[in-house]
N, C-alpha and C. Protein backbone atom coordinates (compact mmCIF):
# COMPACT_ATOMS: atom_id res chain seq x y z
N MET A 1 19.53 1.56 -31.28
CA MET A 1 18.88 2.60 -29.80
C MET A 1 18.75 1.84 -29.12
N SER A 2 19.07 1.14 -28.24
CA SER A 2 19.04 0.65 -26.45
C SER A 2 17.64 1.13 -25.79
N ASP A 3 16.84 -0.43 -25.62
CA ASP A 3 15.75 -0.21 -25.12
C ASP A 3 16.21 0.17 -23.19
N SER A 4 16.27 1.34 -22.11
CA SER A 4 16.71 1.68 -20.82
C SER A 4 15.48 2.38 -20.28
N THR A 5 16.04 2.20 -19.58
CA THR A 5 14.65 2.94 -18.14
C THR A 5 15.14 4.11 -17.81
N ILE A 6 15.33 4.87 -17.59
CA ILE A 6 15.29 6.09 -16.54
C ILE A 6 14.75 6.14 -15.15
N THR A 7 14.68 6.03 -14.39
CA THR A 7 14.47 6.00 -12.31
C THR A 7 14.51 7.75 -12.06
N LEU A 8 13.62 8.65 -12.22
CA LEU A 8 13.49 10.16 -11.41
C LEU A 8 13.19 10.00 -10.00
N PHE A 9 13.81 10.63 -9.22
CA PHE A 9 13.62 11.00 -7.92
C PHE A 9 13.23 12.50 -7.77
N ASP A 10 11.58 12.50 -6.77
CA ASP A 10 11.42 13.57 -6.73
C ASP A 10 12.44 14.68 -5.34
N PRO A 11 13.50 15.60 -5.32
CA PRO A 11 14.12 16.02 -5.25
C PRO A 11 13.21 17.32 -3.19
N ARG A 12 12.13 17.26 -3.48
CA ARG A 12 11.14 18.46 -2.52
C ARG A 12 11.26 18.04 -1.22
N GLY A 13 11.47 16.44 -1.62
CA GLY A 13 10.33 15.39 0.10
C GLY A 13 9.71 15.37 0.30
N HIS A 14 8.91 15.26 2.01
CA HIS A 14 7.49 15.33 2.47
C HIS A 14 7.77 16.19 3.43
N ALA A 15 6.88 17.89 3.38
CA ALA A 15 7.87 18.20 4.70
C ALA A 15 6.01 17.36 5.43
N ARG A 16 6.36 17.49 6.73
CA ARG A 16 5.87 16.54 7.72
C ARG A 16 5.13 17.81 9.15
N VAL A 17 4.30 18.82 8.64
CA VAL A 17 3.68 19.65 9.64
C VAL A 17 3.90 18.56 11.40
N VAL A 18 3.59 19.57 12.36
CA VAL A 18 3.56 19.05 13.77
C VAL A 18 2.63 20.26 14.37
N ALA A 19 1.70 20.92 14.79
CA ALA A 19 1.67 21.83 15.77
C ALA A 19 1.98 21.41 17.19
N GLN A 20 2.57 22.61 17.61
CA GLN A 20 2.94 22.61 18.74
C GLN A 20 2.94 23.61 20.21
N GLN A 21 2.45 23.19 21.09
CA GLN A 21 2.24 24.64 22.10
C GLN A 21 3.56 24.65 22.40
N ALA A 22 4.30 26.15 22.74
CA ALA A 22 5.25 26.72 22.90
C ALA A 22 5.19 27.32 24.41
N ALA A 23 6.24 27.38 24.32
CA ALA A 23 6.54 26.34 26.40
C ALA A 23 5.79 27.58 27.07
N PRO A 24 5.19 27.76 28.50
CA PRO A 24 5.35 28.78 28.81
C PRO A 24 6.38 29.27 29.00
N ARG A 25 6.54 31.11 29.62
CA ARG A 25 7.53 32.30 29.08
C ARG A 25 7.33 32.67 31.27
N PRO A 26 8.34 32.63 31.67
CA PRO A 26 8.97 32.81 32.95
C PRO A 26 8.13 34.25 33.00
N ASP A 27 7.61 34.95 34.19
CA ASP A 27 7.56 36.95 33.73
C ASP A 27 8.77 37.41 34.42
N ASP A 28 10.41 36.07 34.79
CA ASP A 28 11.12 37.14 35.31
C ASP A 28 12.53 36.43 35.30
N LEU A 29 13.59 36.34 34.59
CA LEU A 29 14.61 35.02 34.33
C LEU A 29 15.30 34.99 35.82
N ALA A 30 15.30 36.42 36.76
CA ALA A 30 15.96 36.00 37.51
C ALA A 30 16.07 34.83 38.52
N GLY A 31 17.25 34.06 38.81
CA GLY A 31 17.52 33.04 39.67
C GLY A 31 17.34 31.59 38.65
N LEU A 32 16.94 31.48 37.49
CA LEU A 32 16.90 30.91 36.57
C LEU A 32 18.05 30.44 36.06
N ARG A 33 18.14 28.62 35.82
CA ARG A 33 19.88 28.67 35.52
C ARG A 33 19.54 28.26 33.83
N PRO A 34 19.98 29.51 33.23
CA PRO A 34 20.38 28.78 31.76
C PRO A 34 21.42 28.43 31.42
N GLY A 35 20.65 28.52 30.20
CA GLY A 35 21.39 26.41 29.29
C GLY A 35 21.78 26.45 27.61
N VAL A 36 22.68 25.81 26.79
CA VAL A 36 23.03 26.45 25.65
C VAL A 36 23.32 24.66 24.96
N LEU A 37 22.06 24.87 23.66
CA LEU A 37 22.23 23.49 23.13
C LEU A 37 22.81 24.10 21.62
N GLU A 38 24.48 23.92 21.60
CA GLU A 38 25.26 24.60 20.59
C GLU A 38 25.29 23.59 19.44
N ASN A 39 25.17 23.27 17.93
CA ASN A 39 25.16 22.63 16.81
C ASN A 39 26.44 22.54 15.91
N ARG A 40 27.43 23.05 16.58
CA ARG A 40 29.10 22.88 16.63
C ARG A 40 29.06 23.27 14.52
N LYS A 41 27.74 24.58 14.33
CA LYS A 41 28.31 25.30 13.48
C LYS A 41 29.89 26.15 13.63
N ALA A 42 30.13 26.93 12.87
CA ALA A 42 31.39 27.78 13.10
C ALA A 42 30.29 29.16 14.44
N ASN A 43 31.29 30.03 15.19
CA ASN A 43 30.81 30.57 15.74
C ASN A 43 29.00 30.32 16.64
N ALA A 44 28.71 29.39 16.54
CA ALA A 44 27.62 29.55 16.87
C ALA A 44 27.45 29.11 18.72
N ARG A 45 28.22 28.03 18.95
CA ARG A 45 28.50 28.09 20.90
C ARG A 45 29.11 29.54 20.82
N LEU A 46 29.69 30.59 20.04
CA LEU A 46 30.41 31.91 20.61
C LEU A 46 28.72 32.54 20.92
N LEU A 47 28.50 32.44 19.76
CA LEU A 47 27.06 33.61 19.21
C LEU A 47 25.93 32.90 20.30
N LEU A 48 25.64 31.71 21.15
CA LEU A 48 24.58 31.29 21.88
C LEU A 48 24.55 31.86 23.27
N GLU A 49 26.21 31.55 23.72
CA GLU A 49 26.71 31.79 25.03
C GLU A 49 26.59 33.15 25.01
N SER A 50 27.07 34.29 23.87
CA SER A 50 27.12 35.30 23.85
C SER A 50 25.30 36.60 24.80
N MET A 51 24.25 35.25 23.59
CA MET A 51 23.48 35.95 23.93
C MET A 51 22.94 35.46 25.85
N VAL A 52 23.43 34.70 26.57
CA VAL A 52 22.72 34.43 27.70
C VAL A 52 24.25 35.10 28.01
N ASP A 53 24.84 35.07 27.61
CA ASP A 53 25.95 36.51 28.92
C ASP A 53 25.30 37.83 28.69
N ASN A 54 24.64 38.09 27.77
CA ASN A 54 24.11 39.10 27.78
C ASN A 54 22.73 39.82 28.38
N LEU A 55 21.98 38.44 28.65
CA LEU A 55 20.81 38.47 29.58
C LEU A 55 21.59 38.44 30.92
N ARG A 56 23.04 38.39 31.54
CA ARG A 56 22.85 39.10 32.87
C ARG A 56 23.05 40.33 32.89
N ALA A 57 23.28 41.42 31.91
CA ALA A 57 23.01 43.04 32.30
C ALA A 57 21.56 42.86 32.56
N THR A 58 20.76 42.40 32.58
CA THR A 58 19.70 42.97 32.94
C THR A 58 18.76 41.81 33.76
N ALA A 59 19.56 40.02 34.21
CA ALA A 59 18.65 39.52 35.22
C ALA A 59 19.88 38.86 35.62
N ASP A 60 19.55 38.45 37.01
CA ASP A 60 20.59 37.69 37.94
C ASP A 60 20.06 35.86 38.03
N ILE A 61 21.02 35.53 36.53
CA ILE A 61 20.68 34.47 36.38
C ILE A 61 22.08 33.07 36.35
N GLY A 62 21.81 32.01 36.79
CA GLY A 62 23.01 31.28 37.14
C GLY A 62 23.49 30.69 35.97
N ALA A 63 24.90 29.99 36.45
CA ALA A 63 25.99 29.39 35.57
C ALA A 63 24.96 28.66 34.12
N THR A 64 26.66 28.73 32.34
CA THR A 64 25.62 28.42 31.92
C THR A 64 25.88 27.09 31.88
N THR A 65 25.13 26.34 31.65
CA THR A 65 25.49 24.75 31.05
C THR A 65 25.12 24.76 29.84
N THR A 66 26.62 24.14 28.87
CA THR A 66 26.61 24.05 27.35
C THR A 66 26.56 22.83 27.09
N GLY A 67 25.37 22.23 26.36
CA GLY A 67 26.23 21.21 25.23
C GLY A 67 25.57 20.82 24.17
N SER A 68 26.53 19.95 23.35
CA SER A 68 26.28 19.98 22.10
C SER A 68 25.44 19.02 21.03
N LYS A 69 25.57 19.08 19.74
CA LYS A 69 24.48 17.97 19.42
C LYS A 69 24.96 17.92 17.18
N PRO A 70 24.81 17.46 16.49
CA PRO A 70 25.40 17.41 15.41
C PRO A 70 24.57 17.99 15.06
N VAL A 71 25.76 18.39 13.46
CA VAL A 71 25.26 19.74 12.71
C VAL A 71 23.77 19.46 11.96
N ALA A 72 23.40 18.55 11.65
CA ALA A 72 22.30 17.58 11.31
C ALA A 72 21.88 16.34 12.48
N GLY A 73 21.24 16.55 13.05
CA GLY A 73 20.80 15.93 13.53
C GLY A 73 20.46 15.75 15.49
N PRO A 74 19.80 15.40 16.10
CA PRO A 74 19.08 15.79 17.08
C PRO A 74 20.45 15.41 18.24
N ALA A 75 20.41 16.61 19.42
CA ALA A 75 21.27 15.67 21.04
C ALA A 75 21.03 14.61 21.14
N SER A 76 22.60 14.13 22.15
CA SER A 76 21.49 12.60 22.58
C SER A 76 21.07 12.45 23.04
N ARG A 77 20.89 11.50 24.21
CA ARG A 77 19.84 11.43 24.76
C ARG A 77 20.57 12.25 26.71
N SER A 78 21.80 11.92 26.34
CA SER A 78 22.37 12.09 28.15
C SER A 78 22.58 13.46 27.79
N THR A 79 22.74 14.04 26.73
CA THR A 79 22.63 15.02 26.33
C THR A 79 21.98 16.32 26.64
N MET A 80 20.65 15.90 26.29
CA MET A 80 19.32 16.36 26.46
C MET A 80 19.06 16.54 28.50
N ALA A 81 19.06 14.78 28.87
CA ALA A 81 18.86 14.50 30.23
C ALA A 81 19.80 15.80 31.58
N MET A 82 21.24 16.09 30.71
CA MET A 82 21.80 16.93 31.17
C MET A 82 21.26 18.23 31.48
N LEU A 83 20.49 18.47 29.76
CA LEU A 83 20.02 20.14 30.00
C LEU A 83 18.37 20.25 30.59
N THR A 84 17.79 19.00 30.58
CA THR A 84 17.27 19.08 31.81
C THR A 84 17.08 18.84 33.57
N GLU A 85 18.18 18.12 33.60
CA GLU A 85 18.64 18.60 34.89
C GLU A 85 18.41 19.56 35.51
N GLU A 86 19.77 20.26 35.09
CA GLU A 86 20.69 21.60 35.41
C GLU A 86 19.77 22.74 34.97
N CYS A 87 19.03 22.97 33.39
CA CYS A 87 18.82 24.24 33.30
C CYS A 87 16.92 24.43 33.78
N ASP A 88 17.01 25.49 33.61
CA ASP A 88 15.75 26.09 33.70
C ASP A 88 15.03 26.48 32.08
N PHE A 89 15.81 27.03 31.48
CA PHE A 89 15.45 27.46 29.94
C PHE A 89 16.94 27.64 29.05
N VAL A 90 16.90 26.78 27.67
CA VAL A 90 18.08 26.49 27.12
C VAL A 90 17.68 27.31 25.49
N VAL A 91 19.15 28.04 25.15
CA VAL A 91 19.09 29.20 24.00
C VAL A 91 19.50 28.03 23.00
N VAL A 92 18.75 27.97 22.49
CA VAL A 92 19.35 26.87 20.27
C VAL A 92 18.94 27.41 19.40
N GLY A 93 19.63 27.60 18.16
CA GLY A 93 19.27 27.59 17.24
C GLY A 93 20.75 27.94 16.58
N SER A 94 21.22 28.27 15.29
CA SER A 94 21.95 28.69 14.33
C SER A 94 22.01 28.26 13.41
N SER A 95 22.20 28.84 12.16
CA SER A 95 22.03 29.28 10.71
C SER A 95 23.05 29.38 9.58
N ASP A 96 23.23 28.68 8.70
CA ASP A 96 23.61 29.70 7.82
C ASP A 96 24.02 31.07 7.30
């Protein structure tokens, strides 16, 4: 029998919890400029843009600005700058 070493890796990782203050909510969406940050998953853009389009039934909102980010990773600085400059609120999120 040979003398060997087995290395075990813990697959659970380490969760980092950071408290965040929720963004203040406007009293009314009228006149606000919406944005979408989609994550390139199948139908994510369609889903998020449809959500914004449905808001138009109840609020007079501006044109939608859409940005993309990788499935697993943050949006680029240029995408975040565009959304910050051109949007008053952004819809983001899609999961499997």
